[in-house]
Amino acid sequence: MKLEEIDGSDAATQRVKALKDEAKRAKERAAQVKARADTAVATLAAQRAMKLATVVRQSATVPPTA
């Protein structure tokens, strides 16, 4: 047997390892993007709630015109 056959360091095995490593990095990046998106959603929801509360407070303090 050749050394390449024993330790699995032939070109095809290296390509497979590189693809697996790339997939792992992509999965980690996707998790980071998801976390940023979740944060953005929470921020937007809080902003909308604050705007709605402001509108409600303003409409409660302004007397209706008749």
N, C-alpha and C. Protein backbone atom coordinates (compact mmCIF):
# COMPACT_ATOMS: atom_id res chain seq x y z
N MET A 1 0.84 -1.19 0.00
CA MET A 1 0.00 0.00 0.00
C MET A 1 0.88 1.25 0.00
N LYS A 2 0.34 2.27 -0.65
CA LYS A 2 1.02 3.55 -0.66
C LYS A 2 0.59 4.36 0.55
N LEU A 3 1.40 5.31 0.91
CA LEU A 3 1.09 6.17 2.05
C LEU A 3 -0.24 6.89 1.84
N GLU A 4 -0.50 7.37 0.61
CA GLU A 4 -1.75 8.08 0.33
C GLU A 4 -2.97 7.20 0.58
N GLU A 5 -2.84 5.91 0.31
CA GLU A 5 -3.96 5.00 0.53
C GLU A 5 -4.19 4.74 2.02
N ILE A 6 -3.14 4.80 2.79
CA ILE A 6 -3.25 4.50 4.21
C ILE A 6 -3.83 5.69 4.98
N ASP A 7 -3.29 6.88 4.74
CA ASP A 7 -3.73 8.02 5.54
C ASP A 7 -4.88 8.80 4.90
N GLY A 8 -5.33 8.41 3.74
CA GLY A 8 -6.49 9.03 3.12
C GLY A 8 -6.24 10.43 2.62
N SER A 9 -5.01 10.78 2.27
CA SER A 9 -4.71 12.14 1.85
C SER A 9 -4.64 12.28 0.34
N ASP A 10 -5.35 11.42 -0.38
CA ASP A 10 -5.37 11.57 -1.83
C ASP A 10 -6.21 12.78 -2.22
N ALA A 11 -6.16 13.17 -3.47
CA ALA A 11 -6.81 14.40 -3.93
C ALA A 11 -8.32 14.38 -3.71
N ALA A 12 -8.96 13.26 -3.97
CA ALA A 12 -10.42 13.18 -3.81
C ALA A 12 -10.81 13.36 -2.34
N THR A 13 -10.07 12.74 -1.46
CA THR A 13 -10.36 12.87 -0.04
C THR A 13 -10.15 14.31 0.42
N GLN A 14 -9.13 14.97 -0.09
CA GLN A 14 -8.87 16.36 0.26
C GLN A 14 -10.01 17.26 -0.24
N ARG A 15 -10.51 16.98 -1.44
CA ARG A 15 -11.64 17.77 -1.97
C ARG A 15 -12.88 17.59 -1.10
N VAL A 16 -13.13 16.37 -0.70
CA VAL A 16 -14.30 16.10 0.15
C VAL A 16 -14.14 16.83 1.48
N LYS A 17 -12.94 16.77 2.05
CA LYS A 17 -12.69 17.46 3.32
C LYS A 17 -12.88 18.97 3.14
N ALA A 18 -12.39 19.51 2.04
CA ALA A 18 -12.53 20.95 1.79
C ALA A 18 -14.01 21.32 1.64
N LEU A 19 -14.78 20.51 0.95
CA LEU A 19 -16.21 20.77 0.78
C LEU A 19 -16.93 20.72 2.12
N LYS A 20 -16.58 19.75 2.96
CA LYS A 20 -17.21 19.66 4.28
C LYS A 20 -16.85 20.87 5.12
N ASP A 21 -15.59 21.30 5.06
CA ASP A 21 -15.18 22.48 5.81
C ASP A 21 -15.93 23.72 5.32
N GLU A 22 -16.06 23.84 4.01
CA GLU A 22 -16.79 24.98 3.43
C GLU A 22 -18.25 24.96 3.87
N ALA A 23 -18.86 23.79 3.88
CA ALA A 23 -20.26 23.67 4.31
C ALA A 23 -20.40 24.05 5.78
N LYS A 24 -19.43 23.66 6.59
CA LYS A 24 -19.48 24.01 8.01
C LYS A 24 -19.39 25.53 8.19
N ARG A 25 -18.48 26.17 7.45
CA ARG A 25 -18.36 27.63 7.53
C ARG A 25 -19.63 28.32 7.05
N ALA A 26 -20.23 27.80 5.98
CA ALA A 26 -21.48 28.38 5.47
C ALA A 26 -22.60 28.26 6.50
N LYS A 27 -22.64 27.14 7.18
CA LYS A 27 -23.67 26.94 8.21
C LYS A 27 -23.46 27.93 9.36
N GLU A 28 -22.22 28.15 9.74
CA GLU A 28 -21.92 29.11 10.81
C GLU A 28 -22.29 30.53 10.37
N ARG A 29 -21.98 30.88 9.12
CA ARG A 29 -22.35 32.21 8.61
C ARG A 29 -23.86 32.36 8.59
N ALA A 30 -24.57 31.32 8.19
CA ALA A 30 -26.03 31.37 8.15
C ALA A 30 -26.60 31.59 9.55
N ALA A 31 -26.00 30.96 10.54
CA ALA A 31 -26.46 31.15 11.91
C ALA A 31 -26.24 32.60 12.35
N GLN A 32 -25.12 33.20 11.94
CA GLN A 32 -24.85 34.59 12.28
C GLN A 32 -25.85 35.52 11.60
N VAL A 33 -26.14 35.26 10.33
CA VAL A 33 -27.10 36.08 9.59
C VAL A 33 -28.48 35.96 10.22
N LYS A 34 -28.85 34.75 10.61
CA LYS A 34 -30.15 34.54 11.25
C LYS A 34 -30.23 35.32 12.56
N ALA A 35 -29.16 35.30 13.33
CA ALA A 35 -29.15 36.04 14.59
C ALA A 35 -29.30 37.54 14.34
N ARG A 36 -28.62 38.07 13.31
CA ARG A 36 -28.77 39.49 12.98
C ARG A 36 -30.18 39.79 12.52
N ALA A 37 -30.77 38.90 11.74
CA ALA A 37 -32.14 39.10 11.26
C ALA A 37 -33.12 39.08 12.43
N ASP A 38 -32.93 38.16 13.35
CA ASP A 38 -33.81 38.09 14.52
C ASP A 38 -33.71 39.37 15.35
N THR A 39 -32.49 39.89 15.48
CA THR A 39 -32.30 41.15 16.21
C THR A 39 -33.00 42.29 15.49
N ALA A 40 -32.88 42.32 14.17
CA ALA A 40 -33.52 43.38 13.39
C ALA A 40 -35.04 43.30 13.52
N VAL A 41 -35.59 42.11 13.52
CA VAL A 41 -37.04 41.93 13.68
C VAL A 41 -37.48 42.44 15.04
N ALA A 42 -36.73 42.10 16.07
CA ALA A 42 -37.09 42.55 17.41
C ALA A 42 -37.01 44.07 17.53
N THR A 43 -35.98 44.65 16.92
CA THR A 43 -35.84 46.10 16.94
C THR A 43 -37.00 46.77 16.21
N LEU A 44 -37.35 46.26 15.06
CA LEU A 44 -38.46 46.82 14.29
C LEU A 44 -39.77 46.71 15.06
N ALA A 45 -39.99 45.59 15.69
CA ALA A 45 -41.22 45.40 16.48
C ALA A 45 -41.27 46.41 17.62
N ALA A 46 -40.14 46.63 18.27
CA ALA A 46 -40.11 47.60 19.37
C ALA A 46 -40.36 49.01 18.86
N GLN A 47 -39.78 49.35 17.71
CA GLN A 47 -40.01 50.68 17.13
C GLN A 47 -41.47 50.88 16.78
N ARG A 48 -42.08 49.87 16.18
CA ARG A 48 -43.50 49.97 15.82
C ARG A 48 -44.36 50.12 17.06
N ALA A 49 -44.05 49.38 18.10
CA ALA A 49 -44.82 49.47 19.34
C ALA A 49 -44.70 50.86 19.95
N MET A 50 -43.50 51.43 19.91
CA MET A 50 -43.32 52.77 20.46
C MET A 50 -44.09 53.80 19.64
N LYS A 51 -44.07 53.67 18.31
CA LYS A 51 -44.82 54.60 17.47
C LYS A 51 -46.31 54.48 17.72
N LEU A 52 -46.79 53.27 17.84
CA LEU A 52 -48.21 53.04 18.11
C LEU A 52 -48.59 53.64 19.46
N ALA A 53 -47.76 53.45 20.46
CA ALA A 53 -48.05 54.01 21.78
C ALA A 53 -48.08 55.53 21.72
N THR A 54 -47.19 56.12 20.93
CA THR A 54 -47.18 57.58 20.78
C THR A 54 -48.46 58.05 20.13
N VAL A 55 -48.89 57.36 19.09
CA VAL A 55 -50.12 57.74 18.40
C VAL A 55 -51.31 57.62 19.33
N VAL A 56 -51.36 56.56 20.10
CA VAL A 56 -52.47 56.36 21.04
C VAL A 56 -52.48 57.45 22.09
N ARG A 57 -51.29 57.79 22.63
CA ARG A 57 -51.22 58.85 23.64
C ARG A 57 -51.65 60.18 23.06
N GLN A 58 -51.22 60.48 21.84
CA GLN A 58 -51.57 61.75 21.21
C GLN A 58 -53.06 61.82 20.92
N SER A 59 -53.63 60.74 20.47
CA SER A 59 -55.07 60.77 20.16
C SER A 59 -55.89 60.83 21.43
N ALA A 60 -55.36 60.37 22.53
CA ALA A 60 -56.09 60.43 23.80
C ALA A 60 -56.04 61.83 24.39
N THR A 61 -55.02 62.61 24.07
CA THR A 61 -54.90 63.93 24.67
C THR A 61 -55.51 65.02 23.79
N VAL A 62 -55.72 64.77 22.51
CA VAL A 62 -56.30 65.76 21.62
C VAL A 62 -57.81 65.62 21.65
N PRO A 63 -58.51 66.69 22.01
CA PRO A 63 -59.98 66.57 22.03
C PRO A 63 -60.52 66.46 20.60
N PRO A 64 -61.51 65.64 20.43
CA PRO A 64 -62.09 65.49 19.08
C PRO A 64 -62.80 66.77 18.65
N THR A 65 -62.70 67.08 17.39
CA THR A 65 -63.39 68.27 16.86
C THR A 65 -64.75 67.85 16.36
N ALA A 66 -65.75 68.61 16.76
CA ALA A 66 -67.11 68.24 16.36
C ALA A 66 -67.79 69.28 15.55
